[in-house]
Protein backbone atom coordinates (compact mmCIF):
# COMPACT_ATOMS: atom_id res chain seq x y z
CA MET A 1 96.28 140.73 77.21
CA ILE A 2 100.05 140.42 77.35
CA ILE A 3 101.69 140.88 80.68
CA ARG A 4 104.55 143.37 80.57
CA VAL A 5 107.81 141.72 81.43
CA ARG A 6 111.21 143.28 81.99
CA ILE A 7 113.95 142.29 79.55
CA ASN A 8 117.72 142.94 79.32
CA HIS A 9 118.53 146.39 80.80
CA GLN A 10 115.00 146.88 82.28
CA ILE A 11 115.74 144.35 85.08
CA LYS A 12 116.64 146.46 88.23
CA ALA A 13 116.95 143.83 90.97
CA PRO A 14 120.43 143.70 92.62
CA GLN A 15 120.63 139.90 92.33
CA ILE A 16 118.74 137.47 90.06
CA ARG A 17 118.56 133.70 89.67
CA VAL A 18 119.36 132.83 86.11
CA ILE A 19 118.21 129.76 84.19
CA THR A 20 118.74 128.80 80.57
CA GLU A 21 116.07 128.06 78.01
CA ASP A 22 116.37 124.29 78.62
CA GLY A 23 115.95 124.80 82.43
CA GLN A 24 119.64 124.60 83.50
CA ASN A 25 120.22 126.69 86.64
CA LEU A 26 123.19 129.01 86.32
CA GLY A 27 122.87 130.31 89.91
CA ILE A 28 122.45 133.75 91.45
CA MET A 29 124.32 136.63 89.79
CA SER A 30 124.05 140.36 89.12
CA PRO A 31 121.91 141.49 86.20
CA SER A 32 124.93 142.86 84.34
CA ASP A 33 126.76 139.49 84.54
CA ALA A 34 123.62 137.64 83.45
CA LEU A 35 123.15 140.06 80.53
CA LYS A 36 126.74 139.43 79.37
CA LYS A 37 126.09 135.71 79.58
CA ALA A 38 122.87 136.10 77.49
CA GLN A 39 124.64 138.19 74.86
CA GLU A 40 127.37 135.54 74.60
CA MET A 41 124.62 133.01 73.84
CA GLY A 42 122.91 135.38 71.39
CA GLN A 43 119.73 135.50 73.51
CA ASP A 44 117.76 137.93 75.66
CA LEU A 45 117.52 138.00 79.47
CA ILE A 46 113.80 137.86 80.46
CA GLU A 47 112.48 138.33 84.01
CA ILE A 48 109.88 135.53 84.29
CA SER A 49 109.21 135.62 88.02
CA PRO A 50 109.69 139.18 89.43
CA ASN A 51 108.03 138.39 92.82
CA ALA A 52 110.42 135.58 93.77
CA ILE A 53 113.35 136.21 96.05
CA PRO A 54 115.69 136.68 94.24
CA PRO A 55 113.73 137.34 91.00
CA ILE A 56 114.10 134.64 88.37
CA ALA A 57 115.33 135.52 84.83
CA LYS A 58 115.54 133.22 81.87
CA ILE A 59 117.99 133.38 79.01
CA MET A 60 115.99 132.81 75.79
CA ASP A 61 114.79 134.46 72.62
CA TYR A 62 112.23 137.17 73.53
CA GLY A 63 110.12 136.57 70.37
CA LYS A 64 109.81 132.88 71.28
CA PHE A 65 108.87 133.81 74.84
CA GLN A 66 106.06 136.12 73.61
CA TYR A 67 104.79 133.42 71.24
CA THR A 68 104.58 130.82 73.96
CA GLU A 69 102.84 133.19 76.34
CA LYS A 70 100.22 134.16 73.69
CA LYS A 71 99.67 130.46 73.02
CA LYS A 72 99.18 129.68 76.74
CA LEU A 73 96.67 132.57 77.03
CA LYS A 74 94.74 131.39 73.93
CA ASP A 75 94.60 127.76 75.26
CA SER A 76 93.35 128.94 78.66
CA LYS A 77 90.61 131.02 76.98
CA ALA A 78 89.56 127.99 74.90
CA LYS A 79 89.09 125.82 77.99
CA ILE A 80 86.65 128.26 79.62
CA GLN A 81 83.04 127.17 79.15
CA ASN A 82 80.04 129.30 79.80
CA ILE A 83 77.48 127.17 81.71
CA GLU A 84 74.03 128.57 82.14
CA LEU A 85 71.12 127.39 84.20
CA LYS A 86 68.21 126.78 81.90
CA SER A 87 64.68 126.36 83.32
CA ILE A 88 61.71 124.26 82.27
CA GLN A 89 58.29 124.51 83.96
CA VAL A 90 55.55 121.89 83.82
CA LYS A 91 52.22 121.50 85.62
CA ILE A 92 50.62 118.37 87.01
CA GLY A 93 48.14 118.18 84.13
CA THR A 94 50.71 118.71 81.33
CA ASP A 95 49.98 116.33 78.48
CA GLU A 96 52.40 113.57 77.50
CA HIS A 97 53.21 115.13 74.09
CA ASP A 98 54.13 118.42 75.74
CA LEU A 99 56.32 116.66 78.29
CA VAL A 100 58.14 114.89 75.39
CA LEU A 101 58.77 118.29 73.73
CA LYS A 102 60.03 119.88 76.96
CA ALA A 103 62.23 116.82 77.71
CA GLY A 104 63.69 117.10 74.22
CA LYS A 105 64.58 120.72 74.87
CA ALA A 106 66.12 119.75 78.24
CA SER A 107 68.14 117.03 76.48
CA GLU A 108 69.38 119.52 73.92
CA TRP A 109 70.52 121.90 76.69
CA LEU A 110 72.24 119.09 78.56
CA LYS A 111 74.05 118.14 75.38
CA GLU A 112 75.32 121.73 75.07
CA GLY A 113 76.69 121.44 78.63
CA HIS A 114 74.12 123.60 80.47
CA ARG A 115 72.45 122.81 83.76
CA VAL A 116 68.65 122.45 83.66
CA ARG A 117 66.18 123.32 86.46
CA LEU A 118 62.91 121.39 86.24
CA ASN A 119 59.99 123.10 88.02
CA LEU A 120 56.77 121.31 88.73
CA PHE A 121 54.39 124.25 89.06
CA LEU A 122 51.66 123.79 91.64
CA SER A 123 48.71 126.15 91.84
CA GLY A 124 45.85 126.28 94.31
CA ARG A 125 44.99 122.94 95.89
CA ALA A 126 47.70 121.15 94.02
CA LYS A 127 50.14 122.45 96.59
CA TYR A 128 48.59 120.18 99.19
CA LEU A 129 48.59 116.92 97.24
CA ASN A 130 50.47 113.87 98.45
CA GLN A 131 54.25 114.33 98.10
CA THR A 132 54.84 110.83 96.66
CA PHE A 133 52.26 111.64 93.90
CA LEU A 134 54.07 114.91 93.13
CA LYS A 135 57.47 113.23 93.02
CA GLU A 136 56.11 110.62 90.62
CA ARG A 137 55.01 113.44 88.33
CA MET A 138 58.54 114.90 88.50
CA ASP A 139 60.04 111.45 87.79
CA ARG A 140 57.73 111.07 84.79
CA MET A 141 59.38 114.16 83.29
CA LEU A 142 62.92 112.97 84.18
CA LYS A 143 62.37 109.62 82.51
CA LEU A 144 61.67 111.31 79.18
CA ILE A 145 65.06 113.02 79.02
CA THR A 146 67.24 111.15 76.50
CA GLU A 147 70.67 112.66 77.40
CA GLU A 148 72.62 111.02 80.25
CA TYR A 149 72.38 113.25 83.34
CA LYS A 150 72.88 113.37 87.09
CA ILE A 151 70.86 115.16 89.68
CA ALA A 152 72.78 118.16 90.95
CA GLU A 153 70.12 119.27 93.45
CA PRO A 154 67.55 116.70 94.73
CA VAL A 155 63.86 117.31 94.39
CA GLN A 156 62.81 119.92 96.91
CA LYS A 157 59.92 122.25 97.66
CA SER A 158 60.14 125.70 96.10
CA PRO A 159 57.78 128.63 96.55
CA LYS A 160 55.87 127.64 93.38
CA GLY A 161 55.95 123.85 93.80
CA LEU A 162 58.76 121.29 93.38
CA SER A 163 62.07 121.78 91.67
CA THR A 164 65.26 119.92 90.86
CA VAL A 165 68.49 120.73 88.98
CA ILE A 166 70.15 118.28 86.65
CA GLU A 167 73.45 118.37 84.74
CA ARG A 168 75.22 116.34 82.07
CA VAL A 169 77.33 113.38 83.16
CA ILE A 170 80.88 113.99 82.07
CA LYS A 171 82.38 110.78 80.74
CA SER A 172 86.02 110.25 81.72
CA LYS A 173 88.49 109.51 78.93
CA VAL A 174 90.01 106.21 79.92
């Protein structure tokens, strides 16, 4: 998506602030004077900030301007990450081997950059068990996760039991 910009004779503002390609400010002038100056330099006059008062125009090659704008757009699209909230559900009586498998899946999702919700599903009388016992069960699952993580939402009661959300720790580049 390229934003339409006005160039050369398309600029209709009565006065514009003109800058050169290297950032030197030439001052405020009429578009016709600025266009003459741009033609003397063998460049185009490009309106880069139409909402400023007065609008700002830059003297530079239009092809180079388009190239840099496309490159900025591509770089900004590359930085966008799609983070999903993945969910894993375990019960109180879930066997150790199954917990290891689910923890491995959670580690894999964390490595990909997703957030993971861990649900400890409680049915029937299990809903009324001691809270410290239930939190120990949740911690048992958290200890099996191999990827480094931080708790985004602490362990809390949910309609079906206990749940928490974890996310990957982002290591700073120092």
